[in-house]
Protein backbone atom coordinates (compact mmCIF):
# COMPACT_ATOMS: atom_id res chain seq x y z
CA MET A 1 0.38 0.05 0.23
CA ALA A 2 3.10 2.21 0.59
CA LEU A 3 4.25 2.02 -2.66
CA VAL A 4 0.89 2.08 -3.89
CA ALA A 5 0.88 5.81 -2.31
CA LEU A 6 4.21 6.73 -3.73
CA ALA A 7 3.59 5.82 -6.99
CA LEU A 8 0.42 8.07 -6.85
CA THR A 9 2.58 10.95 -5.61
CA GLY A 10 5.19 10.76 -7.80
CA CYS A 11 2.39 10.75 -11.00
CA ALA A 12 1.01 13.74 -8.93
CA THR A 13 3.90 15.98 -8.91
CA THR A 14 4.53 14.99 -12.85
CA GLN A 15 1.46 15.91 -13.66
CA HIS A 16 1.74 19.38 -11.70
CA THR A 17 4.89 19.85 -13.28
CA ASN A 18 3.96 19.48 -16.89
CA GLU A 19 0.52 21.74 -16.60
CA ARG A 20 3.62 24.38 -14.63
CA TYR A 21 5.67 23.92 -18.55
CA LYS A 22 2.41 24.60 -20.29
CA LEU A 23 0.38 27.72 -18.54
CA ARG A 24 4.07 29.11 -19.10
CA ALA A 25 4.40 28.28 -22.49
CA ASP A 26 1.62 29.46 -23.26
CA ARG A 27 2.05 32.58 -21.72
CA THR A 28 5.02 33.55 -24.21
CA LEU A 29 3.47 32.42 -27.09
CA ALA A 30 0.67 35.15 -25.99
CA SER A 31 3.12 37.67 -24.93
CA ARG A 32 4.53 38.09 -28.88
CA LYS A 33 1.37 38.63 -29.87
CA PRO A 34 -0.21 42.18 -29.49
CA LEU A 35 -3.73 42.45 -27.16
CA ARG A 36 -6.13 45.13 -27.03
CA VAL A 37 -9.54 44.35 -25.62
CA THR A 38 -11.81 46.26 -27.24
CA ALA A 39 -15.16 45.29 -24.71
CA PRO A 40 -15.04 44.98 -20.70
CA GLY A 41 -15.99 41.35 -18.92
CA THR A 42 -18.42 40.79 -16.28
CA ASP A 43 -15.51 38.35 -13.93
CA ALA A 44 -13.99 41.90 -12.52
CA GLY A 45 -14.48 45.88 -12.39
CA ILE A 46 -12.59 48.59 -12.48
CA SER A 47 -12.91 50.91 -9.17
CA ARG A 48 -9.98 53.79 -10.38
CA VAL A 49 -7.51 54.34 -13.18
CA THR A 50 -4.05 56.63 -12.06
CA VAL A 51 -1.93 57.70 -14.24
CA LEU A 52 1.39 58.95 -13.35
CA ARG A 53 3.69 60.45 -15.18
CA GLY A 54 8.47 60.71 -15.00
CA ALA A 55 10.34 62.88 -17.12
CA ARG A 56 11.31 59.24 -19.27
CA SER A 57 8.67 57.06 -17.94
CA GLY A 58 5.20 56.69 -16.69
CA ALA A 59 2.61 54.02 -15.13
CA ILE A 60 -0.94 53.53 -14.72
CA VAL A 61 -2.13 51.77 -11.62
CA VAL A 62 -5.54 50.43 -12.21
CA GLU A 63 -7.93 49.14 -8.55
CA LEU A 64 -10.00 45.72 -9.77
CA ARG A 65 -12.19 43.88 -7.94
CA ASN A 66 -13.61 40.21 -8.58
CA ARG A 67 -16.89 40.64 -8.71
CA SER A 68 -17.57 36.66 -8.36
CA ASP A 69 -17.22 33.92 -6.24
CA ARG A 70 -14.67 31.62 -7.37
CA SER A 71 -10.84 32.95 -7.97
CA LEU A 72 -9.61 34.96 -11.36
CA SER A 73 -6.32 34.22 -13.06
CA ASP A 74 -4.98 35.38 -16.62
CA LEU A 75 -7.89 38.71 -17.18
CA PRO A 76 -6.78 40.81 -20.40
CA ILE A 77 -6.03 44.57 -20.04
CA THR A 78 -5.65 46.94 -21.62
CA VAL A 79 -4.43 50.27 -19.87
CA GLY A 80 -3.64 53.91 -22.58
CA VAL A 81 -4.27 58.05 -22.00
CA GLY A 82 -6.91 59.54 -24.54
CA ARG A 83 -7.82 56.66 -27.62
CA LYS A 84 -4.48 55.68 -27.01
CA PRO A 85 -3.10 51.59 -25.95
CA LEU A 86 -0.38 51.72 -23.95
CA ASN A 87 0.47 48.21 -23.98
CA ALA A 88 -1.15 46.67 -26.85
CA ARG A 89 1.08 45.45 -29.28
CA GLY A 90 3.21 42.23 -28.68
CA GLY A 91 6.58 41.16 -26.90
CA LEU A 92 5.45 43.08 -23.95
CA ASN A 93 5.50 40.54 -20.41
CA PHE A 94 2.66 38.51 -20.30
CA PHE A 95 1.97 40.65 -16.77
CA GLN A 96 1.91 43.86 -18.45
CA THR A 97 -1.17 43.27 -20.55
CA HIS A 98 -3.07 40.39 -18.36
CA VAL A 99 -3.84 40.50 -14.47
CA ALA A 100 -1.75 37.30 -12.86
CA SER A 101 -4.90 36.30 -10.48
CA ILE A 102 -7.56 38.04 -7.73
CA ALA A 103 -8.79 35.99 -5.15
CA PRO A 104 -13.46 35.06 -4.81
CA ARG A 105 -14.50 39.22 -4.41
CA GLY A 106 -10.98 40.40 -3.46
CA THR A 107 -9.36 43.32 -5.25
CA VAL A 108 -5.70 43.65 -6.50
CA ALA A 109 -4.29 47.15 -7.02
CA TRP A 110 -2.27 46.23 -10.84
CA VAL A 111 0.89 48.43 -12.63
CA PHE A 112 2.01 48.73 -16.04
CA THR A 113 5.36 50.46 -16.44
CA THR A 114 7.12 52.14 -19.23
CA ARG A 115 10.04 53.87 -19.82
CA ARG A 116 8.37 55.80 -22.47
CA ARG A 117 6.72 59.25 -22.14
CA ILE A 118 3.39 58.76 -21.50
CA PRO A 119 1.77 61.66 -23.31
CA SER A 120 -1.28 63.94 -21.61
CA GLY A 121 -4.90 62.63 -21.74
CA ARG A 122 -6.83 60.89 -19.38
CA PRO A 123 -5.96 57.02 -18.70
CA PHE A 124 -8.10 54.32 -19.36
CA ALA A 125 -8.65 50.76 -18.78
CA VAL A 126 -10.26 47.97 -20.08
CA VAL A 127 -9.81 44.25 -18.57
CA GLY A 128 -11.53 41.13 -20.07
CA ASN A 129 -12.28 38.37 -18.55
CA ALA A 130 -10.66 35.74 -17.28
CA ALA A 131 -9.17 32.65 -18.87
CA ARG A 132 -9.57 30.35 -16.02
CA SER A 133 -10.25 29.84 -12.28
CA PRO A 134 -7.92 28.16 -10.56
CA GLY A 135 -8.78 27.46 -7.33
CA ALA A 136 -7.93 28.23 -4.22
CA LEU A 137 -4.63 31.36 -4.52
CA PRO A 138 -1.13 30.59 -3.11
CA ARG A 139 -0.20 33.30 -0.45
CA ILE A 140 2.69 35.15 -1.68
CA THR A 141 3.60 37.86 0.70
CA ALA A 142 5.43 40.51 0.05
CA ARG A 143 7.57 43.27 2.81
CA PRO A 144 9.71 46.29 2.41
CA ALA A 145 13.36 46.11 2.70
CA ALA A 146 16.99 47.94 3.00
CA LYS A 147 17.31 47.31 -0.94
CA GLY A 148 13.39 47.09 -2.56
CA ALA A 149 10.96 44.26 -1.55
CA LEU A 150 11.13 41.33 0.53
CA VAL A 151 8.90 38.52 -1.50
CA SER A 152 7.90 34.80 0.31
CA ASN A 153 6.89 31.88 -0.36
CA ALA A 154 5.66 29.74 2.32
CA THR A 155 3.20 27.45 -0.15
CA ASP A 156 4.92 24.24 -1.49
CA VAL A 157 3.71 25.61 -5.16
CA PRO A 158 6.81 27.57 -7.11
CA GLN A 159 5.89 30.53 -8.70
CA TYR A 160 7.62 31.83 -12.47
CA GLY A 161 7.13 35.21 -13.27
CA LEU A 162 6.04 36.57 -10.32
CA PRO A 163 4.59 40.20 -10.45
CA VAL A 164 5.47 42.23 -7.72
CA TYR A 165 3.66 46.40 -7.13
CA ALA A 166 4.48 48.82 -5.37
CA LEU A 167 2.42 51.84 -4.43
CA VAL A 168 2.12 54.92 -2.63
CA ARG A 169 -0.40 56.81 -1.63
CA ARG A 170 -0.67 59.92 0.23
CA GLY A 171 -4.80 61.46 1.07
CA GLY A 172 -5.66 58.39 -0.59
CA ARG A 173 -3.98 59.21 -4.18
CA TYR A 174 -1.32 57.13 -5.95
CA VAL A 175 1.49 59.72 -5.97
CA ALA A 176 3.98 56.77 -6.96
CA ALA A 177 4.05 52.84 -8.30
CA GLY A 178 6.58 50.51 -9.63
CA ARG A 179 7.31 47.25 -10.19
CA THR A 180 9.28 44.49 -11.29
CA THR A 181 9.43 40.92 -12.19
CA LEU A 182 10.51 37.97 -10.15
CA GLN A 183 11.74 35.41 -12.51
CA GLU A 184 11.66 32.48 -10.21
CA LEU A 185 10.36 31.79 -6.66
CA GLY A 186 10.65 28.19 -4.99
CA THR A 187 8.82 26.60 -2.42
CA GLY A 188 9.86 27.96 1.25
CA SER A 189 11.45 30.70 -0.34
CA SER A 190 12.56 33.90 -0.12
CA VAL A 191 13.90 36.58 -1.89
CA THR A 192 14.68 40.29 -2.53
CA VAL A 193 14.39 42.60 -5.37
CA PRO A 194 14.89 45.53 -6.21
CA LEU A 195 12.42 48.26 -7.04
CA ARG A 196 12.63 51.75 -9.06
CA LEU A 197 9.57 54.23 -8.42
CA ILE A 198 8.01 56.35 -10.95
CA GLY A 199 6.23 59.21 -9.01
CA ALA A 200 7.56 61.24 -5.26
CA ARG A 201 7.04 58.67 -2.35
CA HIS A 202 7.91 61.47 0.21
CA GLY A 203 8.68 59.53 3.27
CA ALA A 204 4.68 58.39 2.52
CA THR A 205 4.53 54.64 3.32
CA LEU A 206 4.96 51.75 0.55
CA GLU A 207 2.33 49.02 0.18
CA LEU A 208 3.72 46.24 -1.82
CA GLU A 209 1.66 43.23 -3.90
CA ALA A 210 2.53 40.36 -5.24
CA LEU A 211 -0.56 38.31 -7.38
CA PRO A 212 0.17 33.88 -7.38
CA THR A 213 1.05 33.20 -10.87
CA ILE A 214 1.26 29.09 -10.78
CA PHE A 215 -1.62 27.95 -8.30
CA LYS A 216 -0.37 24.00 -8.06
């Protein structure tokens, strides 16, 4: 019986590994193609869109709310100013055009950054329906560290291409934001990643968010 149990456990582990490879490959292929969301989906709603402009860079912060009782992942999103989309071209990081995950009835702040100057105009965001509903989301934590953000994975699910978002609010308004990508975060591990903010922090509290990308 013990041998049978061990064999079954091994098969499940192999299956999960294969599913992770496939998901990563699908995302890589999708990121090469242009994407523009023209009509909002019903899975998630947008609460607020904020643009932050630097001299030669910019960021757009989008607050999203999961309207459903199930977890959501890989929601396509288009952001821009006026009528001009900023993330519709191919070749961007997958999570510059998608929201990695949102817990049931949960809220997240998603950040798009660019090294190009963002033109004047009113910011907009359109989010489509999730590509999948993965069940329970692994809990990935992030907290400020001396040289950036300390990101921790206490679960048994490794993370790949993990987006980490930095947000600064003053008087309820976003005044700075940034993002970085952690290529790999193993199980039961912690890593410090550097952060670059667009905007002015001026001593305000730094908020961090890491949205899980792998779910089992």
